[in-house]
Amino acid sequence: MTLNENIRQLRLARNLSQVDLAKALGVTKQSISNWENNNIQPSIDMLIRLAQFFSVSTDYLLGLDRQKYIEISELTDCQLAHIAAIIDDIRGTNNKSG
């Protein structure tokens, strides 16, 4: 996928409008629209801000890396254990159905 597709996909996955994302990043809705329609590219600084906002790498945004990450630094060990159990459950469910 390309940068514009990745921005759109990540925005929609979080149920954000272009206006919502624009407010969160301190840019105009038109900027988001232009990025998603591949009219212009975000600056390097904005690319970094997008990656931080969506908790992905810049390589992911650029389509160079398909690995996904979740920021867990602030979670307790107990919270991490719950998340690990959920992931194991989802993977188990996906393996049984697919």
PDB file of N, CA and C in Angstrom:
ATOM      1  N   MET A   1       0.838  -1.185   0.000  1.00  0.00           N
ATOM      2  CA  MET A   1       0.000   0.000   0.000  1.00  0.00           C
ATOM      3  C   MET A   1       0.879   1.243   0.000  1.00  0.00           C
ATOM      4  N   THR A   2       0.323   2.316  -0.486  1.00  0.00           N
ATOM      5  CA  THR A   2       1.063   3.567  -0.567  1.00  0.00           C
ATOM      6  C   THR A   2       0.771   4.450   0.639  1.00  0.00           C
ATOM      7  N   LEU A   3       1.551   5.505   0.781  1.00  0.00           N
ATOM      8  CA  LEU A   3       1.399   6.424   1.908  1.00  0.00           C
ATOM      9  C   LEU A   3      -0.024   6.943   2.018  1.00  0.00           C
ATOM     10  N   ASN A   4      -0.584   7.417   0.922  1.00  0.00           N
ATOM     11  CA  ASN A   4      -1.937   7.981   0.983  1.00  0.00           C
ATOM     12  C   ASN A   4      -2.961   6.922   1.411  1.00  0.00           C
ATOM     13  N   GLU A   5      -2.814   5.702   0.926  1.00  0.00           N
ATOM     14  CA  GLU A   5      -3.730   4.626   1.317  1.00  0.00           C
ATOM     15  C   GLU A   5      -3.564   4.270   2.790  1.00  0.00           C
ATOM     16  N   ASN A   6      -2.331   4.260   3.263  1.00  0.00           N
ATOM     17  CA  ASN A   6      -2.078   3.921   4.663  1.00  0.00           C
ATOM     18  C   ASN A   6      -2.646   4.975   5.607  1.00  0.00           C
ATOM     19  N   ILE A   7      -2.503   6.241   5.257  1.00  0.00           N
ATOM     20  CA  ILE A   7      -3.073   7.301   6.097  1.00  0.00           C
ATOM     21  C   ILE A   7      -4.581   7.133   6.173  1.00  0.00           C
ATOM     22  N   ARG A   8      -5.217   6.937   5.034  1.00  0.00           N
ATOM     23  CA  ARG A   8      -6.674   6.771   5.008  1.00  0.00           C
ATOM     24  C   ARG A   8      -7.096   5.532   5.810  1.00  0.00           C
ATOM     25  N   GLN A   9      -6.421   4.426   5.599  1.00  0.00           N
ATOM     26  CA  GLN A   9      -6.774   3.178   6.282  1.00  0.00           C
ATOM     27  C   GLN A   9      -6.625   3.323   7.796  1.00  0.00           C
ATOM     28  N   LEU A  10      -5.550   3.907   8.248  1.00  0.00           N
ATOM     29  CA  LEU A  10      -5.339   4.089   9.686  1.00  0.00           C
ATOM     30  C   LEU A  10      -6.372   5.041  10.282  1.00  0.00           C
ATOM     31  N   ARG A  11      -6.702   6.097   9.559  1.00  0.00           N
ATOM     32  CA  ARG A  11      -7.714   7.052  10.030  1.00  0.00           C
ATOM     33  C   ARG A  11      -9.067   6.371  10.166  1.00  0.00           C
ATOM     34  N   LEU A  12      -9.470   5.643   9.140  1.00  0.00           N
ATOM     35  CA  LEU A  12     -10.771   4.973   9.157  1.00  0.00           C
ATOM     36  C   LEU A  12     -10.825   3.865  10.210  1.00  0.00           C
ATOM     37  N   ALA A  13      -9.720   3.173  10.413  1.00  0.00           N
ATOM     38  CA  ALA A  13      -9.681   2.107  11.412  1.00  0.00           C
ATOM     39  C   ALA A  13      -9.927   2.658  12.812  1.00  0.00           C
ATOM     40  N   ARG A  14      -9.591   3.914  13.019  1.00  0.00           N
ATOM     41  CA  ARG A  14      -9.823   4.556  14.312  1.00  0.00           C
ATOM     42  C   ARG A  14     -11.116   5.369  14.327  1.00  0.00           C
ATOM     43  N   ASN A  15     -11.894   5.204  13.264  1.00  0.00           N
ATOM     44  CA  ASN A  15     -13.188   5.874  13.162  1.00  0.00           C
ATOM     45  C   ASN A  15     -13.056   7.391  13.294  1.00  0.00           C
ATOM     46  N   LEU A  16     -12.016   7.944  12.667  1.00  0.00           N
ATOM     47  CA  LEU A  16     -11.780   9.386  12.690  1.00  0.00           C
ATOM     48  C   LEU A  16     -12.179   9.997  11.358  1.00  0.00           C
ATOM     49  N   SER A  17     -12.784  11.172  11.410  1.00  0.00           N
ATOM     50  CA  SER A  17     -13.028  11.928  10.175  1.00  0.00           C
ATOM     51  C   SER A  17     -11.736  12.651   9.809  1.00  0.00           C
ATOM     52  N   GLN A  18     -11.697  13.186   8.613  1.00  0.00           N
ATOM     53  CA  GLN A  18     -10.538  13.984   8.225  1.00  0.00           C
ATOM     54  C   GLN A  18     -10.408  15.196   9.143  1.00  0.00           C
ATOM     55  N   VAL A  19     -11.528  15.763   9.559  1.00  0.00           N
ATOM     56  CA  VAL A  19     -11.524  16.909  10.470  1.00  0.00           C
ATOM     57  C   VAL A  19     -10.926  16.504  11.816  1.00  0.00           C
ATOM     58  N   ASP A  20     -11.332  15.334  12.327  1.00  0.00           N
ATOM     59  CA  ASP A  20     -10.804  14.849  13.604  1.00  0.00           C
ATOM     60  C   ASP A  20      -9.288  14.701  13.553  1.00  0.00           C
ATOM     61  N   LEU A  21      -8.798  14.065  12.489  1.00  0.00           N
ATOM     62  CA  LEU A  21      -7.357  13.855  12.354  1.00  0.00           C
ATOM     63  C   LEU A  21      -6.639  15.190  12.201  1.00  0.00           C
ATOM     64  N   ALA A  22      -7.209  16.081  11.427  1.00  0.00           N
ATOM     65  CA  ALA A  22      -6.605  17.399  11.234  1.00  0.00           C
ATOM     66  C   ALA A  22      -6.459  18.130  12.568  1.00  0.00           C
ATOM     67  N   LYS A  23      -7.497  18.097  13.383  1.00  0.00           N
ATOM     68  CA  LYS A  23      -7.434  18.746  14.698  1.00  0.00           C
ATOM     69  C   LYS A  23      -6.364  18.121  15.573  1.00  0.00           C
ATOM     70  N   ALA A  24      -6.284  16.806  15.560  1.00  0.00           N
ATOM     71  CA  ALA A  24      -5.303  16.106  16.389  1.00  0.00           C
ATOM     72  C   ALA A  24      -3.868  16.450  15.987  1.00  0.00           C
ATOM     73  N   LEU A  25      -3.657  16.700  14.696  1.00  0.00           N
ATOM     74  CA  LEU A  25      -2.317  16.979  14.191  1.00  0.00           C
ATOM     75  C   LEU A  25      -2.021  18.465  14.056  1.00  0.00           C
ATOM     76  N   GLY A  26      -3.055  19.307  14.231  1.00  0.00           N
ATOM     77  CA  GLY A  26      -2.855  20.748  14.101  1.00  0.00           C
ATOM     78  C   GLY A  26      -2.679  21.209  12.670  1.00  0.00           C
ATOM     79  N   VAL A  27      -3.379  20.545  11.751  1.00  0.00           N
ATOM     80  CA  VAL A  27      -3.349  20.930  10.332  1.00  0.00           C
ATOM     81  C   VAL A  27      -4.785  21.129   9.862  1.00  0.00           C
ATOM     82  N   THR A  28      -4.948  21.496   8.622  1.00  0.00           N
ATOM     83  CA  THR A  28      -6.291  21.685   8.075  1.00  0.00           C
ATOM     84  C   THR A  28      -6.840  20.371   7.542  1.00  0.00           C
ATOM     85  N   LYS A  29      -8.166  20.321   7.426  1.00  0.00           N
ATOM     86  CA  LYS A  29      -8.826  19.164   6.814  1.00  0.00           C
ATOM     87  C   LYS A  29      -8.342  18.999   5.376  1.00  0.00           C
ATOM     88  N   GLN A  30      -8.089  20.134   4.714  1.00  0.00           N
ATOM     89  CA  GLN A  30      -7.609  20.101   3.330  1.00  0.00           C
ATOM     90  C   GLN A  30      -6.264  19.385   3.227  1.00  0.00           C
ATOM     91  N   SER A  31      -5.406  19.561   4.230  1.00  0.00           N
ATOM     92  CA  SER A  31      -4.115  18.844   4.226  1.00  0.00           C
ATOM     93  C   SER A  31      -4.337  17.345   4.257  1.00  0.00           C
ATOM     94  N   ILE A  32      -5.223  16.897   5.154  1.00  0.00           N
ATOM     95  CA  ILE A  32      -5.518  15.463   5.243  1.00  0.00           C
ATOM     96  C   ILE A  32      -6.078  14.965   3.912  1.00  0.00           C
ATOM     97  N   SER A  33      -7.016  15.711   3.363  1.00  0.00           N
ATOM     98  CA  SER A  33      -7.619  15.341   2.084  1.00  0.00           C
ATOM     99  C   SER A  33      -6.560  15.254   0.983  1.00  0.00           C
ATOM    100  N   ASN A  34      -5.674  16.220   0.939  1.00  0.00           N
ATOM    101  CA  ASN A  34      -4.615  16.217  -0.077  1.00  0.00           C
ATOM    102  C   ASN A  34      -3.678  15.034   0.084  1.00  0.00           C
ATOM    103  N   TRP A  35      -3.346  14.679   1.323  1.00  0.00           N
ATOM    104  CA  TRP A  35      -2.485  13.513   1.548  1.00  0.00           C
ATOM    105  C   TRP A  35      -3.182  12.247   1.094  1.00  0.00           C
ATOM    106  N   GLU A  36      -4.453  12.101   1.492  1.00  0.00           N
ATOM    107  CA  GLU A  36      -5.184  10.876   1.171  1.00  0.00           C
ATOM    108  C   GLU A  36      -5.481  10.740  -0.320  1.00  0.00           C
ATOM    109  N   ASN A  37      -5.598  11.861  -1.012  1.00  0.00           N
ATOM    110  CA  ASN A  37      -5.857  11.821  -2.449  1.00  0.00           C
ATOM    111  C   ASN A  37      -4.573  11.875  -3.266  1.00  0.00           C
ATOM    112  N   ASN A  38      -3.438  11.796  -2.572  1.00  0.00           N
ATOM    113  CA  ASN A  38      -2.121  11.772  -3.209  1.00  0.00           C
ATOM    114  C   ASN A  38      -1.839  13.019  -4.036  1.00  0.00           C
ATOM    115  N   ASN A  39      -2.411  14.155  -3.614  1.00  0.00           N
ATOM    116  CA  ASN A  39      -2.136  15.426  -4.280  1.00  0.00           C
ATOM    117  C   ASN A  39      -0.823  16.022  -3.802  1.00  0.00           C
ATOM    118  N   ILE A  40      -0.549  15.889  -2.518  1.00  0.00           N
ATOM    119  CA  ILE A  40       0.712  16.332  -1.926  1.00  0.00           C
ATOM    120  C   ILE A  40       1.138  15.309  -0.887  1.00  0.00           C
ATOM    121  N   GLN A  41       2.399  15.368  -0.493  1.00  0.00           N
ATOM    122  CA  GLN A  41       2.931  14.472   0.527  1.00  0.00           C
ATOM    123  C   GLN A  41       3.154  15.263   1.811  1.00  0.00           C
ATOM    124  N   PRO A  42       2.944  14.646   2.956  1.00  0.00           N
ATOM    125  CA  PRO A  42       3.258  15.339   4.208  1.00  0.00           C
ATOM    126  C   PRO A  42       4.763  15.563   4.317  1.00  0.00           C
ATOM    127  N   SER A  43       5.137  16.603   5.054  1.00  0.00           N
ATOM    128  CA  SER A  43       6.557  16.864   5.297  1.00  0.00           C
ATOM    129  C   SER A  43       7.146  15.728   6.128  1.00  0.00           C
ATOM    130  N   ILE A  44       8.449  15.691   6.206  1.00  0.00           N
ATOM    131  CA  ILE A  44       9.103  14.660   7.019  1.00  0.00           C
ATOM    132  C   ILE A  44       8.678  14.803   8.474  1.00  0.00           C
ATOM    133  N   ASP A  45       8.624  16.032   8.973  1.00  0.00           N
ATOM    134  CA  ASP A  45       8.176  16.251  10.353  1.00  0.00           C
ATOM    135  C   ASP A  45       6.756  15.741  10.559  1.00  0.00           C
ATOM    136  N   MET A  46       5.876  15.994   9.588  1.00  0.00           N
ATOM    137  CA  MET A  46       4.492  15.540   9.705  1.00  0.00           C
ATOM    138  C   MET A  46       4.410  14.026   9.564  1.00  0.00           C
ATOM    139  N   LEU A  47       5.252  13.442   8.753  1.00  0.00           N
ATOM    140  CA  LEU A  47       5.289  11.981   8.622  1.00  0.00           C
ATOM    141  C   LEU A  47       5.612  11.352   9.981  1.00  0.00           C
ATOM    142  N   ILE A  48       6.547  11.941  10.690  1.00  0.00           N
ATOM    143  CA  ILE A  48       6.909  11.453  12.023  1.00  0.00           C
ATOM    144  C   ILE A  48       5.739  11.626  12.979  1.00  0.00           C
ATOM    145  N   ARG A  49       5.062  12.767  12.916  1.00  0.00           N
ATOM    146  CA  ARG A  49       3.901  13.005  13.783  1.00  0.00           C
ATOM    147  C   ARG A  49       2.774  12.023  13.480  1.00  0.00           C
ATOM    148  N   LEU A  50       2.559  11.733  12.204  1.00  0.00           N
ATOM    149  CA  LEU A  50       1.547  10.746  11.821  1.00  0.00           C
ATOM    150  C   LEU A  50       1.897   9.374  12.389  1.00  0.00           C
ATOM    151  N   ALA A  51       3.157   8.988  12.258  1.00  0.00           N
ATOM    152  CA  ALA A  51       3.594   7.687  12.777  1.00  0.00           C
ATOM    153  C   ALA A  51       3.388   7.617  14.285  1.00  0.00           C
ATOM    154  N   GLN A  52       3.732   8.680  14.994  1.00  0.00           N
ATOM    155  CA  GLN A  52       3.543   8.697  16.448  1.00  0.00           C
ATOM    156  C   GLN A  52       2.066   8.655  16.796  1.00  0.00           C
ATOM    157  N   PHE A  53       1.253   9.420  16.090  1.00  0.00           N
ATOM    158  CA  PHE A  53      -0.177   9.465  16.372  1.00  0.00           C
ATOM    159  C   PHE A  53      -0.818   8.091  16.197  1.00  0.00           C
ATOM    160  N   PHE A  54      -0.462   7.398  15.124  1.00  0.00           N
ATOM    161  CA  PHE A  54      -1.062   6.097  14.824  1.00  0.00           C
ATOM    162  C   PHE A  54      -0.295   4.923  15.445  1.00  0.00           C
ATOM    163  N   SER A  55       0.799   5.217  16.153  1.00  0.00           N
ATOM    164  CA  SER A  55       1.630   4.173  16.770  1.00  0.00           C
ATOM    165  C   SER A  55       2.121   3.154  15.753  1.00  0.00           C
ATOM    166  N   VAL A  56       2.624   3.664  14.640  1.00  0.00           N
ATOM    167  CA  VAL A  56       3.227   2.830  13.612  1.00  0.00           C
ATOM    168  C   VAL A  56       4.587   3.436  13.268  1.00  0.00           C
ATOM    169  N   SER A  57       5.391   2.714  12.533  1.00  0.00           N
ATOM    170  CA  SER A  57       6.679   3.253  12.097  1.00  0.00           C
ATOM    171  C   SER A  57       6.487   4.088  10.834  1.00  0.00           C
ATOM    172  N   THR A  58       7.453   4.950  10.564  1.00  0.00           N
ATOM    173  CA  THR A  58       7.401   5.696   9.304  1.00  0.00           C
ATOM    174  C   THR A  58       7.522   4.736   8.123  1.00  0.00           C
ATOM    175  N   ASP A  59       8.282   3.654   8.292  1.00  0.00           N
ATOM    176  CA  ASP A  59       8.377   2.644   7.234  1.00  0.00           C
ATOM    177  C   ASP A  59       7.005   2.036   6.953  1.00  0.00           C
ATOM    178  N   TYR A  60       6.216   1.805   8.010  1.00  0.00           N
ATOM    179  CA  TYR A  60       4.866   1.283   7.816  1.00  0.00           C
ATOM    180  C   TYR A  60       4.039   2.271   6.998  1.00  0.00           C
ATOM    181  N   LEU A  61       4.080   3.539   7.380  1.00  0.00           N
ATOM    182  CA  LEU A  61       3.313   4.550   6.635  1.00  0.00           C
ATOM    183  C   LEU A  61       3.713   4.594   5.173  1.00  0.00           C
ATOM    184  N   LEU A  62       5.005   4.459   4.925  1.00  0.00           N
ATOM    185  CA  LEU A  62       5.520   4.535   3.555  1.00  0.00           C
ATOM    186  C   LEU A  62       5.324   3.241   2.771  1.00  0.00           C
ATOM    187  N   GLY A  63       4.812   2.202   3.421  1.00  0.00           N
ATOM    188  CA  GLY A  63       4.575   0.937   2.733  1.00  0.00           C
ATOM    189  C   GLY A  63       5.798   0.062   2.630  1.00  0.00           C
ATOM    190  N   LEU A  64       6.826   0.348   3.439  1.00  0.00           N
ATOM    191  CA  LEU A  64       8.066  -0.429   3.388  1.00  0.00           C
ATOM    192  C   LEU A  64       8.096  -1.559   4.403  1.00  0.00           C
ATOM    193  N   ASP A  65       7.209  -1.509   5.373  1.00  0.00           N
ATOM    194  CA  ASP A  65       7.176  -2.489   6.463  1.00  0.00           C
ATOM    195  C   ASP A  65       5.718  -2.729   6.819  1.00  0.00           C
ATOM    196  N   ARG A  66       5.297  -3.978   6.856  1.00  0.00           N
ATOM    197  CA  ARG A  66       3.894  -4.282   7.148  1.00  0.00           C
ATOM    198  C   ARG A  66       3.673  -4.674   8.608  1.00  0.00           C
ATOM    199  N   GLN A  67       4.717  -4.624   9.431  1.00  0.00           N
ATOM    200  CA  GLN A  67       4.544  -4.951  10.840  1.00  0.00           C
ATOM    201  C   GLN A  67       3.753  -3.855  11.533  1.00  0.00           C
ATOM    202  N   LYS A  68       2.884  -4.252  12.444  1.00  0.00           N
ATOM    203  CA  LYS A  68       2.085  -3.305  13.209  1.00  0.00           C
ATOM    204  C   LYS A  68       2.541  -3.356  14.659  1.00  0.00           C
ATOM    205  N   TYR A  69       2.464  -2.216  15.308  1.00  0.00           N
ATOM    206  CA  TYR A  69       2.922  -2.099  16.681  1.00  0.00           C
ATOM    207  C   TYR A  69       1.837  -1.466  17.534  1.00  0.00           C
ATOM    208  N   ILE A  70       1.856  -1.797  18.816  1.00  0.00           N
ATOM    209  CA  ILE A  70       0.966  -1.168  19.779  1.00  0.00           C
ATOM    210  C   ILE A  70       1.856  -0.589  20.878  1.00  0.00           C
ATOM    211  N   GLU A  71       1.653   0.679  21.201  1.00  0.00           N
ATOM    212  CA  GLU A  71       2.426   1.326  22.261  1.00  0.00           C
ATOM    213  C   GLU A  71       1.924   0.824  23.607  1.00  0.00           C
ATOM    214  N   ILE A  72       2.800   0.164  24.348  1.00  0.00           N
ATOM    215  CA  ILE A  72       2.402  -0.437  25.621  1.00  0.00           C
ATOM    216  C   ILE A  72       3.272   0.033  26.781  1.00  0.00           C
ATOM    217  N   SER A  73       4.109   1.021  26.556  1.00  0.00           N
ATOM    218  CA  SER A  73       5.083   1.448  27.558  1.00  0.00           C
ATOM    219  C   SER A  73       4.459   1.834  28.888  1.00  0.00           C
ATOM    220  N   GLU A  74       3.307   2.434  28.872  1.00  0.00           N
ATOM    221  CA  GLU A  74       2.689   2.944  30.097  1.00  0.00           C
ATOM    222  C   GLU A  74       1.808   1.922  30.813  1.00  0.00           C
ATOM    223  N   LEU A  75       1.706   0.717  30.283  1.00  0.00           N
ATOM    224  CA  LEU A  75       0.824  -0.278  30.884  1.00  0.00           C
ATOM    225  C   LEU A  75       1.527  -1.060  31.992  1.00  0.00           C
ATOM    226  N   THR A  76       0.728  -1.527  32.941  1.00  0.00           N
ATOM    227  CA  THR A  76       1.260  -2.346  34.027  1.00  0.00           C
ATOM    228  C   THR A  76       1.449  -3.778  33.528  1.00  0.00           C
ATOM    229  N   ASP A  77       2.159  -4.573  34.308  1.00  0.00           N
ATOM    230  CA  ASP A  77       2.355  -5.981  33.953  1.00  0.00           C
ATOM    231  C   ASP A  77       1.017  -6.717  33.881  1.00  0.00           C
ATOM    232  N   CYS A  78       0.119  -6.370  34.784  1.00  0.00           N
ATOM    233  CA  CYS A  78      -1.204  -7.005  34.784  1.00  0.00           C
ATOM    234  C   CYS A  78      -1.966  -6.653  33.501  1.00  0.00           C
ATOM    235  N   GLN A  79      -1.929  -5.391  33.103  1.00  0.00           N
ATOM    236  CA  GLN A  79      -2.596  -4.971  31.867  1.00  0.00           C
ATOM    237  C   GLN A  79      -1.977  -5.653  30.655  1.00  0.00           C
ATOM    238  N   LEU A  80      -0.653  -5.781  30.651  1.00  0.00           N
ATOM    239  CA  LEU A  80       0.026  -6.463  29.544  1.00  0.00           C
ATOM    240  C   LEU A  80      -0.377  -7.932  29.467  1.00  0.00           C
ATOM    241  N   ALA A  81      -0.548  -8.564  30.612  1.00  0.00           N
ATOM    242  CA  ALA A  81      -0.979  -9.959  30.631  1.00  0.00           C
ATOM    243  C   ALA A  81      -2.370 -10.097  30.036  1.00  0.00           C
ATOM    244  N   HIS A  82      -3.254  -9.158  30.338  1.00  0.00           N
ATOM    245  CA  HIS A  82      -4.603  -9.193  29.762  1.00  0.00           C
ATOM    246  C   HIS A  82      -4.554  -9.044  28.240  1.00  0.00           C
ATOM    247  N   ILE A  83      -3.739  -8.116  27.777  1.00  0.00           N
ATOM    248  CA  ILE A  83      -3.622  -7.899  26.333  1.00  0.00           C
ATOM    249  C   ILE A  83      -3.034  -9.135  25.658  1.00  0.00           C
ATOM    250  N   ALA A  84      -2.021  -9.726  26.262  1.00  0.00           N
ATOM    251  CA  ALA A  84      -1.421 -10.943  25.695  1.00  0.00           C
ATOM    252  C   ALA A  84      -2.457 -12.055  25.608  1.00  0.00           C
ATOM    253  N   ALA A  85      -3.308 -12.187  26.628  1.00  0.00           N
ATOM    254  CA  ALA A  85      -4.351 -13.214  26.610  1.00  0.00           C
ATOM    255  C   ALA A  85      -5.360 -12.951  25.495  1.00  0.00           C
ATOM    256  N   ILE A  86      -5.714 -11.700  25.297  1.00  0.00           N
ATOM    257  CA  ILE A  86      -6.651 -11.348  24.224  1.00  0.00           C
ATOM    258  C   ILE A  86      -6.041 -11.682  22.860  1.00  0.00           C
ATOM    259  N   ILE A  87      -4.780 -11.335  22.677  1.00  0.00           N
ATOM    260  CA  ILE A  87      -4.101 -11.623  21.406  1.00  0.00           C
ATOM    261  C   ILE A  87      -4.029 -13.131  21.170  1.00  0.00           C
ATOM    262  N   ASP A  88      -3.683 -13.876  22.201  1.00  0.00           N
ATOM    263  CA  ASP A  88      -3.642 -15.342  22.071  1.00  0.00           C
ATOM    264  C   ASP A  88      -5.009 -15.889  21.690  1.00  0.00           C
ATOM    265  N   ASP A  89      -6.058 -15.359  22.323  1.00  0.00           N
ATOM    266  CA  ASP A  89      -7.420 -15.800  22.029  1.00  0.00           C
ATOM    267  C   ASP A  89      -7.795 -15.492  20.582  1.00  0.00           C
ATOM    268  N   ILE A  90      -7.479 -14.299  20.130  1.00  0.00           N
ATOM    269  CA  ILE A  90      -7.796 -13.909  18.746  1.00  0.00           C
ATOM    270  C   ILE A  90      -7.028 -14.784  17.761  1.00  0.00           C
ATOM    271  N   ARG A  91      -5.766 -14.984  18.015  1.00  0.00           N
ATOM    272  CA  ARG A  91      -4.965 -15.840  17.127  1.00  0.00           C
ATOM    273  C   ARG A  91      -5.494 -17.267  17.115  1.00  0.00           C
ATOM    274  N   GLY A  92      -5.913 -17.766  18.253  1.00  0.00           N
ATOM    275  CA  GLY A  92      -6.494 -19.106  18.329  1.00  0.00           C
ATOM    276  C   GLY A  92      -7.793 -19.210  17.552  1.00  0.00           C
ATOM    277  N   THR A  93      -8.616 -18.175  17.663  1.00  0.00           N
ATOM    278  CA  THR A  93      -9.877 -18.125  16.930  1.00  0.00           C
ATOM    279  C   THR A  93      -9.622 -18.062  15.440  1.00  0.00           C
ATOM    280  N   ASN A  94      -8.670 -17.212  15.028  1.00  0.00           N
ATOM    281  CA  ASN A  94      -8.366 -17.081  13.600  1.00  0.00           C
ATOM    282  C   ASN A  94      -7.808 -18.375  13.041  1.00  0.00           C
ATOM    283  N   ASN A  95      -6.983 -19.077  13.814  1.00  0.00           N
ATOM    284  CA  ASN A  95      -6.416 -20.335  13.332  1.00  0.00           C
ATOM    285  C   ASN A  95      -7.482 -21.406  13.153  1.00  0.00           C
ATOM    286  N   LYS A  96      -8.496 -21.401  14.019  1.00  0.00           N
ATOM    287  CA  LYS A  96      -9.552 -22.420  13.930  1.00  0.00           C
ATOM    288  C   LYS A  96     -10.479 -22.176  12.730  1.00  0.00           C
ATOM    289  N   SER A  97     -10.688 -20.881  12.400  1.00  0.00           N
ATOM    290  CA  SER A  97     -11.632 -20.588  11.323  1.00  0.00           C
ATOM    291  C   SER A  97     -10.963 -20.502   9.969  1.00  0.00           C
ATOM    292  N   GLY A  98      -9.656 -20.307   9.937  1.00  0.00           N
ATOM    293  CA  GLY A  98      -9.019 -20.092   8.655  1.00  0.00           C
ATOM    294  C   GLY A  98      -8.052 -21.127   8.350  1.00  0.00           C
TER     295      GLY A  98
END
